Amino acid sequence: MLPHSLILTYMRCDYCNKEDTKSCLIYDNFGIKTCDDHYELGKRDCKYYLQSNNMIHLQDVKQLVDALPKSFSILRSSGEMQDGWSLDFDDPYLRKINDTWHIPCVNVEKYLTKRSSMNDMKHIIDVEFMKDVITKCYLRIEEPLGEYQEHPAIQKVIVEGLPCRMLVIPSHQDSA
């Protein structure tokens, strides 16, 4: 099961269609709806999504968050150092882009957001500390999930010539 938008969807478990649900969230209104029986599957599938998209939540690298000052300067693409930036907790994920980890930053006064390379932030954080954080990021993202077991209700189908996965929920007639 892949996380999806939860906006305007039924309040039912994505795995079994039970109406008593809770959510495993990646972002606000984006994740997987689960019942108590399938909550661990939801957490597993969200973790799989994060790993496969090279994302790490800022709360998982608390050392980095705590080491950064509330306001800092970052290197802009023009080469200019610009003050007034902070961590962007509205998009709270480190992302690995072209083999380099990027930190979400926001400049509230200028209405700007940017993903700043960890390498471009060495003027803020000690280089050795950065190496430790980067190593922990790699270990965290590559932590094994174990063998990924697809939910039995997921079936592989071809739609308009493209391979897809579909959740097939048994009807009441099928279960009788």
N, C-alpha and C. Protein backbone atom coordinates (compact mmCIF):
# COMPACT_ATOMS: atom_id res chain seq x y z
N MET A 1 0.85 -1.17 0.00
CA MET A 1 0.00 0.00 0.00
C MET A 1 0.90 1.23 0.00
N LEU A 2 0.63 2.16 -0.89
CA LEU A 2 1.38 3.40 -0.92
C LEU A 2 0.59 4.52 -0.27
N PRO A 3 1.26 5.43 0.43
CA PRO A 3 0.57 6.58 0.99
C PRO A 3 -0.09 7.39 -0.13
N HIS A 4 -1.16 8.09 0.23
CA HIS A 4 -1.92 8.84 -0.76
C HIS A 4 -2.60 10.02 -0.07
N SER A 5 -3.19 10.90 -0.85
CA SER A 5 -3.93 12.02 -0.28
C SER A 5 -5.13 11.47 0.50
N LEU A 6 -5.34 12.00 1.68
CA LEU A 6 -6.46 11.56 2.52
C LEU A 6 -7.63 12.53 2.44
N ILE A 7 -7.50 13.55 1.62
CA ILE A 7 -8.55 14.55 1.47
C ILE A 7 -9.72 13.95 0.69
N LEU A 8 -10.92 14.17 1.20
CA LEU A 8 -12.16 13.70 0.58
C LEU A 8 -12.17 12.19 0.32
N THR A 9 -11.62 11.45 1.27
CA THR A 9 -11.68 9.99 1.17
C THR A 9 -12.52 9.47 2.33
N TYR A 10 -13.02 8.26 2.17
CA TYR A 10 -13.83 7.64 3.22
C TYR A 10 -12.98 7.35 4.44
N MET A 11 -13.59 7.45 5.61
CA MET A 11 -12.90 7.15 6.86
C MET A 11 -12.94 5.64 7.09
N ARG A 12 -12.17 4.93 6.26
CA ARG A 12 -12.10 3.47 6.34
C ARG A 12 -10.65 3.04 6.20
N CYS A 13 -10.35 1.92 6.81
CA CYS A 13 -9.01 1.35 6.72
C CYS A 13 -8.68 1.05 5.25
N ASP A 14 -7.50 1.48 4.82
CA ASP A 14 -7.08 1.22 3.44
C ASP A 14 -6.80 -0.26 3.18
N TYR A 15 -6.62 -1.03 4.23
CA TYR A 15 -6.30 -2.45 4.07
C TYR A 15 -7.54 -3.36 4.09
N CYS A 16 -8.50 -3.03 4.97
CA CYS A 16 -9.63 -3.96 5.12
C CYS A 16 -11.00 -3.29 5.05
N ASN A 17 -11.03 -1.97 4.94
CA ASN A 17 -12.28 -1.23 4.78
C ASN A 17 -13.07 -1.06 6.08
N LYS A 18 -12.50 -1.39 7.25
CA LYS A 18 -13.18 -1.14 8.52
C LYS A 18 -13.36 0.36 8.69
N GLU A 19 -14.45 0.75 9.34
CA GLU A 19 -14.73 2.18 9.49
C GLU A 19 -14.01 2.82 10.67
N ASP A 20 -13.51 2.06 11.61
CA ASP A 20 -12.80 2.59 12.76
C ASP A 20 -11.35 2.83 12.35
N THR A 21 -10.98 4.08 12.04
CA THR A 21 -9.66 4.33 11.47
C THR A 21 -8.83 5.32 12.27
N LYS A 22 -7.54 5.23 12.03
CA LYS A 22 -6.55 6.21 12.46
C LYS A 22 -5.64 6.39 11.24
N SER A 23 -4.67 7.26 11.32
CA SER A 23 -3.84 7.53 10.15
C SER A 23 -2.37 7.42 10.48
N CYS A 24 -1.61 6.89 9.54
CA CYS A 24 -0.15 6.96 9.55
C CYS A 24 0.18 8.05 8.54
N LEU A 25 0.69 9.18 9.03
CA LEU A 25 0.88 10.34 8.16
C LEU A 25 2.33 10.57 7.79
N ILE A 26 2.53 11.02 6.56
CA ILE A 26 3.82 11.50 6.10
C ILE A 26 3.78 13.02 6.10
N TYR A 27 2.73 13.60 5.58
CA TYR A 27 2.43 15.03 5.64
C TYR A 27 1.00 15.16 6.15
N ASP A 28 0.58 16.39 6.40
CA ASP A 28 -0.83 16.62 6.71
C ASP A 28 -1.66 16.10 5.55
N ASN A 29 -2.65 15.29 5.86
CA ASN A 29 -3.58 14.74 4.87
C ASN A 29 -2.90 13.91 3.77
N PHE A 30 -1.74 13.33 4.06
CA PHE A 30 -1.08 12.44 3.11
C PHE A 30 -0.49 11.28 3.90
N GLY A 31 -0.99 10.09 3.65
CA GLY A 31 -0.53 8.92 4.38
C GLY A 31 -1.40 7.73 4.08
N ILE A 32 -1.63 6.91 5.10
CA ILE A 32 -2.41 5.69 4.95
C ILE A 32 -3.40 5.62 6.11
N LYS A 33 -4.66 5.32 5.82
CA LYS A 33 -5.66 5.12 6.86
C LYS A 33 -5.64 3.66 7.27
N THR A 34 -5.65 3.43 8.58
CA THR A 34 -5.60 2.06 9.08
C THR A 34 -6.59 1.86 10.22
N CYS A 35 -6.92 0.61 10.46
CA CYS A 35 -7.63 0.23 11.68
C CYS A 35 -6.55 -0.20 12.68
N ASP A 36 -6.95 -0.54 13.90
CA ASP A 36 -5.97 -0.99 14.90
C ASP A 36 -5.22 -2.23 14.42
N ASP A 37 -5.90 -3.13 13.72
CA ASP A 37 -5.28 -4.38 13.25
C ASP A 37 -4.19 -4.13 12.21
N HIS A 38 -4.31 -3.05 11.44
CA HIS A 38 -3.38 -2.81 10.33
C HIS A 38 -2.46 -1.61 10.55
N TYR A 39 -2.44 -1.07 11.76
CA TYR A 39 -1.63 0.11 12.04
C TYR A 39 -0.14 -0.15 11.77
N GLU A 40 0.36 -1.30 12.20
CA GLU A 40 1.78 -1.62 11.97
C GLU A 40 2.10 -1.74 10.48
N LEU A 41 1.16 -2.29 9.70
CA LEU A 41 1.35 -2.34 8.24
C LEU A 41 1.42 -0.93 7.66
N GLY A 42 0.58 -0.03 8.15
CA GLY A 42 0.59 1.35 7.69
C GLY A 42 1.91 2.03 7.99
N LYS A 43 2.43 1.82 9.21
CA LYS A 43 3.74 2.39 9.57
C LYS A 43 4.84 1.83 8.67
N ARG A 44 4.79 0.52 8.42
CA ARG A 44 5.78 -0.12 7.56
C ARG A 44 5.72 0.46 6.14
N ASP A 45 4.51 0.59 5.60
CA ASP A 45 4.38 1.08 4.24
C ASP A 45 4.77 2.55 4.11
N CYS A 46 4.54 3.35 5.15
CA CYS A 46 5.00 4.74 5.13
C CYS A 46 6.52 4.80 5.19
N LYS A 47 7.11 3.93 6.01
CA LYS A 47 8.58 3.89 6.09
C LYS A 47 9.16 3.47 4.74
N TYR A 48 8.55 2.51 4.10
CA TYR A 48 8.99 2.09 2.77
C TYR A 48 8.94 3.27 1.78
N TYR A 49 7.86 4.04 1.84
CA TYR A 49 7.71 5.20 0.97
C TYR A 49 8.85 6.20 1.21
N LEU A 50 9.12 6.50 2.49
CA LEU A 50 10.19 7.44 2.82
C LEU A 50 11.54 6.94 2.33
N GLN A 51 11.83 5.66 2.56
CA GLN A 51 13.10 5.10 2.12
C GLN A 51 13.24 5.14 0.61
N SER A 52 12.19 4.75 -0.09
CA SER A 52 12.29 4.68 -1.55
C SER A 52 12.35 6.07 -2.18
N ASN A 53 11.95 7.10 -1.43
CA ASN A 53 12.02 8.48 -1.93
C ASN A 53 13.14 9.29 -1.28
N ASN A 54 14.07 8.59 -0.60
CA ASN A 54 15.23 9.23 0.03
C ASN A 54 14.85 10.42 0.89
N MET A 55 13.97 10.17 1.85
CA MET A 55 13.50 11.21 2.75
C MET A 55 13.72 10.80 4.20
N ILE A 56 14.10 11.77 5.03
CA ILE A 56 14.26 11.54 6.47
C ILE A 56 13.58 12.69 7.19
N HIS A 57 12.72 12.37 8.14
CA HIS A 57 12.02 13.41 8.90
C HIS A 57 13.01 14.14 9.80
N LEU A 58 12.84 15.45 9.94
CA LEU A 58 13.74 16.23 10.80
C LEU A 58 13.78 15.72 12.23
N GLN A 59 12.68 15.16 12.73
CA GLN A 59 12.68 14.65 14.10
C GLN A 59 13.63 13.46 14.26
N ASP A 60 13.97 12.80 13.15
CA ASP A 60 14.89 11.67 13.21
C ASP A 60 16.35 12.10 13.21
N VAL A 61 16.61 13.38 12.96
CA VAL A 61 17.97 13.93 13.02
C VAL A 61 17.95 15.13 13.97
N LYS A 62 17.45 14.86 15.18
CA LYS A 62 17.28 15.91 16.18
C LYS A 62 18.59 16.64 16.48
N GLN A 63 19.72 15.93 16.42
CA GLN A 63 21.02 16.57 16.66
C GLN A 63 21.25 17.71 15.68
N LEU A 64 20.90 17.49 14.45
CA LEU A 64 21.07 18.52 13.43
C LEU A 64 20.15 19.71 13.71
N VAL A 65 18.89 19.42 14.02
CA VAL A 65 17.91 20.47 14.31
C VAL A 65 18.38 21.31 15.50
N ASP A 66 18.85 20.63 16.56
CA ASP A 66 19.29 21.34 17.76
C ASP A 66 20.56 22.15 17.52
N ALA A 67 21.41 21.71 16.58
CA ALA A 67 22.68 22.39 16.31
C ALA A 67 22.51 23.67 15.49
N LEU A 68 21.45 23.73 14.71
CA LEU A 68 21.24 24.91 13.88
C LEU A 68 20.67 26.06 14.70
N PRO A 69 21.17 27.27 14.49
CA PRO A 69 20.56 28.43 15.17
C PRO A 69 19.16 28.68 14.61
N LYS A 70 18.35 29.42 15.35
CA LYS A 70 16.99 29.71 14.89
C LYS A 70 16.99 30.46 13.57
N SER A 71 17.95 31.32 13.37
CA SER A 71 18.09 32.07 12.12
C SER A 71 19.53 31.93 11.64
N PHE A 72 19.69 31.69 10.34
CA PHE A 72 21.03 31.51 9.80
C PHE A 72 21.07 32.02 8.37
N SER A 73 22.29 32.10 7.83
CA SER A 73 22.45 32.53 6.44
C SER A 73 22.69 31.29 5.59
N ILE A 74 22.23 31.35 4.34
CA ILE A 74 22.48 30.25 3.40
C ILE A 74 23.04 30.81 2.11
N LEU A 75 23.70 29.93 1.38
CA LEU A 75 24.27 30.27 0.09
C LEU A 75 23.19 30.18 -0.97
N ARG A 76 22.92 31.30 -1.65
CA ARG A 76 21.94 31.31 -2.73
C ARG A 76 22.60 30.85 -4.03
N SER A 77 21.80 30.49 -4.99
CA SER A 77 22.34 30.03 -6.28
C SER A 77 23.13 31.12 -6.99
N SER A 78 22.91 32.38 -6.63
CA SER A 78 23.66 33.50 -7.21
C SER A 78 25.06 33.60 -6.62
N GLY A 79 25.33 32.83 -5.54
CA GLY A 79 26.61 32.90 -4.86
C GLY A 79 26.58 33.82 -3.65
N GLU A 80 25.49 34.55 -3.48
CA GLU A 80 25.33 35.49 -2.37
C GLU A 80 24.94 34.73 -1.10
N MET A 81 25.51 35.15 0.04
CA MET A 81 25.08 34.63 1.34
C MET A 81 23.93 35.51 1.80
N GLN A 82 22.80 34.89 2.16
CA GLN A 82 21.61 35.65 2.54
C GLN A 82 21.19 35.28 3.95
N ASP A 83 20.97 36.28 4.78
CA ASP A 83 20.53 36.09 6.17
C ASP A 83 19.02 35.89 6.25
N GLY A 84 18.54 35.49 7.43
CA GLY A 84 17.12 35.43 7.71
C GLY A 84 16.45 34.10 7.41
N TRP A 85 17.22 33.04 7.28
CA TRP A 85 16.67 31.72 6.97
C TRP A 85 16.54 30.89 8.24
N SER A 86 15.60 29.94 8.22
CA SER A 86 15.43 28.99 9.32
C SER A 86 14.95 27.66 8.74
N LEU A 87 14.86 26.65 9.60
CA LEU A 87 14.36 25.36 9.13
C LEU A 87 12.90 25.48 8.74
N ASP A 88 12.52 24.79 7.68
CA ASP A 88 11.13 24.81 7.21
C ASP A 88 10.41 23.58 7.78
N PHE A 89 9.68 23.79 8.87
CA PHE A 89 8.97 22.68 9.51
C PHE A 89 7.64 22.38 8.81
N ASP A 90 7.27 23.19 7.83
CA ASP A 90 6.07 22.87 7.04
C ASP A 90 6.37 21.77 6.03
N ASP A 91 7.62 21.58 5.69
CA ASP A 91 8.06 20.50 4.80
C ASP A 91 9.25 19.83 5.51
N PRO A 92 8.99 19.07 6.58
CA PRO A 92 10.03 18.67 7.52
C PRO A 92 10.87 17.44 7.12
N TYR A 93 11.31 17.40 5.88
CA TYR A 93 12.09 16.23 5.44
C TYR A 93 13.41 16.62 4.81
N LEU A 94 14.47 15.97 5.29
CA LEU A 94 15.73 16.01 4.55
C LEU A 94 15.50 15.16 3.31
N ARG A 95 16.07 15.57 2.20
CA ARG A 95 15.95 14.79 0.97
C ARG A 95 17.32 14.62 0.35
N LYS A 96 17.55 13.43 -0.15
CA LYS A 96 18.80 13.14 -0.83
C LYS A 96 18.59 13.40 -2.32
N ILE A 97 19.28 14.39 -2.84
CA ILE A 97 19.18 14.80 -4.24
C ILE A 97 20.57 14.72 -4.84
N ASN A 98 20.72 13.94 -5.90
CA ASN A 98 22.04 13.76 -6.55
C ASN A 98 23.12 13.39 -5.54
N ASP A 99 22.83 12.42 -4.69
CA ASP A 99 23.77 11.89 -3.69
C ASP A 99 24.18 12.90 -2.61
N THR A 100 23.44 13.99 -2.45
CA THR A 100 23.73 14.96 -1.41
C THR A 100 22.44 15.24 -0.64
N TRP A 101 22.56 15.28 0.68
CA TRP A 101 21.39 15.57 1.51
C TRP A 101 21.12 17.06 1.51
N HIS A 102 19.84 17.42 1.41
CA HIS A 102 19.40 18.81 1.39
C HIS A 102 18.44 19.07 2.55
N ILE A 103 18.59 20.25 3.14
CA ILE A 103 17.82 20.64 4.32
C ILE A 103 16.75 21.64 3.89
N PRO A 104 15.49 21.45 4.33
CA PRO A 104 14.43 22.40 3.97
C PRO A 104 14.58 23.71 4.76
N CYS A 105 14.65 24.82 4.05
CA CYS A 105 14.82 26.13 4.68
C CYS A 105 13.73 27.08 4.21
N VAL A 106 13.44 28.06 5.05
CA VAL A 106 12.43 29.06 4.71
C VAL A 106 12.92 30.44 5.15
N ASN A 107 12.61 31.44 4.33
CA ASN A 107 12.85 32.83 4.69
C ASN A 107 11.47 33.48 4.73
N VAL A 108 10.93 33.59 5.91
CA VAL A 108 9.54 34.04 6.09
C VAL A 108 9.36 35.48 5.60
N GLU A 109 10.33 36.34 5.86
CA GLU A 109 10.21 37.75 5.46
C GLU A 109 10.15 37.92 3.95
N LYS A 110 10.87 37.08 3.22
CA LYS A 110 10.91 37.21 1.76
C LYS A 110 9.99 36.21 1.05
N TYR A 111 9.23 35.42 1.84
CA TYR A 111 8.31 34.42 1.28
C TYR A 111 9.03 33.44 0.36
N LEU A 112 10.18 32.94 0.81
CA LEU A 112 10.98 32.02 0.00
C LEU A 112 11.20 30.71 0.73
N THR A 113 11.26 29.63 -0.03
CA THR A 113 11.69 28.34 0.51
C THR A 113 12.81 27.82 -0.38
N LYS A 114 13.67 27.01 0.20
CA LYS A 114 14.81 26.46 -0.54
C LYS A 114 15.29 25.21 0.17
N ARG A 115 15.77 24.27 -0.60
CA ARG A 115 16.46 23.11 -0.05
C ARG A 115 17.94 23.41 -0.18
N SER A 116 18.59 23.56 0.93
CA SER A 116 20.00 23.90 0.93
C SER A 116 20.84 22.65 1.17
N SER A 117 21.82 22.44 0.32
CA SER A 117 22.72 21.30 0.47
C SER A 117 23.43 21.38 1.81
N MET A 118 23.58 20.23 2.46
CA MET A 118 24.33 20.21 3.73
C MET A 118 25.74 20.75 3.51
N ASN A 119 26.32 20.47 2.36
CA ASN A 119 27.67 20.96 2.05
C ASN A 119 27.72 22.48 2.00
N ASP A 120 26.60 23.12 1.58
CA ASP A 120 26.56 24.58 1.51
C ASP A 120 26.30 25.23 2.86
N MET A 121 26.11 24.42 3.90
CA MET A 121 25.82 24.96 5.22
C MET A 121 26.98 24.73 6.19
N LYS A 122 28.15 24.41 5.66
CA LYS A 122 29.31 24.13 6.52
C LYS A 122 29.75 25.34 7.32
N HIS A 123 29.36 26.54 6.89
CA HIS A 123 29.71 27.75 7.64
C HIS A 123 28.91 27.85 8.95
N ILE A 124 27.88 27.04 9.09
CA ILE A 124 27.03 27.08 10.28
C ILE A 124 27.38 25.95 11.25
N ILE A 125 27.69 24.78 10.69
CA ILE A 125 27.88 23.57 11.50
C ILE A 125 29.28 23.01 11.26
N ASP A 126 29.91 22.54 12.33
CA ASP A 126 31.24 21.94 12.27
C ASP A 126 31.27 20.81 11.24
N VAL A 127 32.36 20.76 10.45
CA VAL A 127 32.47 19.78 9.37
C VAL A 127 32.41 18.35 9.90
N GLU A 128 33.10 18.06 10.99
CA GLU A 128 33.07 16.70 11.54
C GLU A 128 31.67 16.33 12.04
N PHE A 129 31.01 17.27 12.65
CA PHE A 129 29.64 17.03 13.08
C PHE A 129 28.75 16.74 11.88
N MET A 130 28.95 17.51 10.81
CA MET A 130 28.19 17.29 9.58
C MET A 130 28.41 15.88 9.05
N LYS A 131 29.65 15.41 9.06
CA LYS A 131 29.93 14.05 8.59
C LYS A 131 29.19 13.02 9.43
N ASP A 132 29.16 13.23 10.74
CA ASP A 132 28.42 12.31 11.62
C ASP A 132 26.93 12.32 11.29
N VAL A 133 26.37 13.51 11.09
CA VAL A 133 24.94 13.61 10.78
C VAL A 133 24.65 12.94 9.43
N ILE A 134 25.52 13.18 8.46
CA ILE A 134 25.32 12.57 7.14
C ILE A 134 25.38 11.05 7.25
N THR A 135 26.33 10.53 8.01
CA THR A 135 26.44 9.08 8.20
C THR A 135 25.17 8.54 8.84
N LYS A 136 24.66 9.23 9.87
CA LYS A 136 23.43 8.79 10.52
C LYS A 136 22.25 8.85 9.56
N CYS A 137 22.23 9.85 8.70
CA CYS A 137 21.16 9.94 7.70
C CYS A 137 21.20 8.74 6.79
N TYR A 138 22.39 8.40 6.31
CA TYR A 138 22.51 7.25 5.42
C TYR A 138 22.10 5.97 6.13
N LEU A 139 22.54 5.80 7.37
CA LEU A 139 22.17 4.60 8.10
C LEU A 139 20.68 4.54 8.33
N ARG A 140 20.08 5.68 8.63
CA ARG A 140 18.64 5.72 8.90
C ARG A 140 17.84 5.39 7.64
N ILE A 141 18.23 5.97 6.52
CA ILE A 141 17.46 5.75 5.29
C ILE A 141 17.66 4.32 4.77
N GLU A 142 18.82 3.73 5.03
CA GLU A 142 19.09 2.40 4.50
C GLU A 142 18.81 1.30 5.50
N GLU A 143 18.27 1.66 6.67
CA GLU A 143 17.90 0.66 7.67
C GLU A 143 16.94 -0.34 7.03
N PRO A 144 17.25 -1.62 7.11
CA PRO A 144 16.42 -2.59 6.38
C PRO A 144 15.00 -2.68 6.93
N LEU A 145 14.08 -2.83 6.02
CA LEU A 145 12.68 -3.04 6.39
C LEU A 145 12.39 -4.50 6.64
N GLY A 146 13.29 -5.35 6.25
CA GLY A 146 12.96 -6.76 6.18
C GLY A 146 12.37 -6.98 4.81
N GLU A 147 11.99 -8.18 4.53
CA GLU A 147 11.41 -8.45 3.22
C GLU A 147 10.07 -7.75 3.12
N TYR A 148 9.90 -6.99 2.06
CA TYR A 148 8.64 -6.26 1.87
C TYR A 148 7.58 -7.22 1.40
N GLN A 149 6.56 -7.42 2.22
CA GLN A 149 5.46 -8.31 1.87
C GLN A 149 4.27 -7.47 1.43
N GLU A 150 3.87 -7.63 0.20
CA GLU A 150 2.70 -6.92 -0.31
C GLU A 150 1.46 -7.43 0.39
N HIS A 151 0.53 -6.55 0.68
CA HIS A 151 -0.74 -6.95 1.29
C HIS A 151 -1.46 -7.89 0.33
N PRO A 152 -2.09 -8.98 0.82
CA PRO A 152 -2.73 -9.95 -0.06
C PRO A 152 -3.85 -9.38 -0.93
N ALA A 153 -4.45 -8.25 -0.51
CA ALA A 153 -5.53 -7.67 -1.31
C ALA A 153 -5.01 -6.82 -2.47
N ILE A 154 -3.69 -6.62 -2.55
CA ILE A 154 -3.11 -5.86 -3.65
C ILE A 154 -2.87 -6.81 -4.82
N GLN A 155 -3.39 -6.45 -5.97
CA GLN A 155 -3.20 -7.26 -7.17
C GLN A 155 -2.51 -6.43 -8.24
N LYS A 156 -1.62 -7.08 -8.99
CA LYS A 156 -0.95 -6.41 -10.09
C LYS A 156 -1.85 -6.47 -11.32
N VAL A 157 -2.08 -5.32 -11.94
CA VAL A 157 -2.95 -5.23 -13.10
C VAL A 157 -2.28 -4.37 -14.17
N ILE A 158 -2.79 -4.44 -15.37
CA ILE A 158 -2.33 -3.59 -16.47
C ILE A 158 -3.44 -2.60 -16.78
N VAL A 159 -3.14 -1.31 -16.72
CA VAL A 159 -4.11 -0.26 -17.03
C VAL A 159 -3.53 0.60 -18.15
N GLU A 160 -4.23 0.64 -19.26
CA GLU A 160 -3.78 1.37 -20.44
C GLU A 160 -2.34 1.02 -20.79
N GLY A 161 -2.02 -0.27 -20.70
CA GLY A 161 -0.70 -0.76 -21.08
C GLY A 161 0.38 -0.58 -20.04
N LEU A 162 0.05 -0.01 -18.87
CA LEU A 162 1.05 0.23 -17.83
C LEU A 162 0.80 -0.68 -16.63
N PRO A 163 1.87 -1.27 -16.06
CA PRO A 163 1.69 -2.11 -14.87
C PRO A 163 1.32 -1.24 -13.67
N CYS A 164 0.31 -1.65 -12.93
CA CYS A 164 -0.16 -0.92 -11.75
C CYS A 164 -0.44 -1.91 -10.62
N ARG A 165 -0.66 -1.36 -9.43
CA ARG A 165 -1.07 -2.15 -8.28
C ARG A 165 -2.45 -1.66 -7.88
N MET A 166 -3.34 -2.58 -7.55
CA MET A 166 -4.71 -2.20 -7.20
C MET A 166 -5.13 -2.93 -5.93
N LEU A 167 -5.77 -2.17 -5.03
CA LEU A 167 -6.33 -2.77 -3.83
C LEU A 167 -7.70 -3.31 -4.18
N VAL A 168 -7.89 -4.62 -4.02
CA VAL A 168 -9.16 -5.25 -4.31
C VAL A 168 -9.80 -5.63 -2.98
N ILE A 169 -10.85 -4.92 -2.60
CA ILE A 169 -11.54 -5.17 -1.34
C ILE A 169 -12.66 -6.14 -1.61
N PRO A 170 -12.67 -7.28 -0.90
CA PRO A 170 -13.73 -8.26 -1.13
C PRO A 170 -15.11 -7.67 -0.79
N SER A 171 -16.08 -8.00 -1.61
CA SER A 171 -17.45 -7.56 -1.34
C SER A 171 -18.04 -8.49 -0.29
N HIS A 172 -19.18 -8.11 0.26
CA HIS A 172 -19.83 -8.97 1.26
C HIS A 172 -20.24 -10.30 0.64
N GLN A 173 -20.54 -10.35 -0.64
CA GLN A 173 -20.92 -11.59 -1.31
C GLN A 173 -19.71 -12.53 -1.42
N ASP A 174 -18.51 -11.96 -1.66
CA ASP A 174 -17.31 -12.79 -1.78
C ASP A 174 -16.97 -13.48 -0.48
N SER A 175 -17.22 -12.83 0.66
CA SER A 175 -16.83 -13.39 1.94
C SER A 175 -17.87 -14.36 2.49
N ALA A 176 -19.03 -14.44 1.86
CA ALA A 176 -20.08 -15.35 2.35
C ALA A 176 -19.86 -16.76 1.83
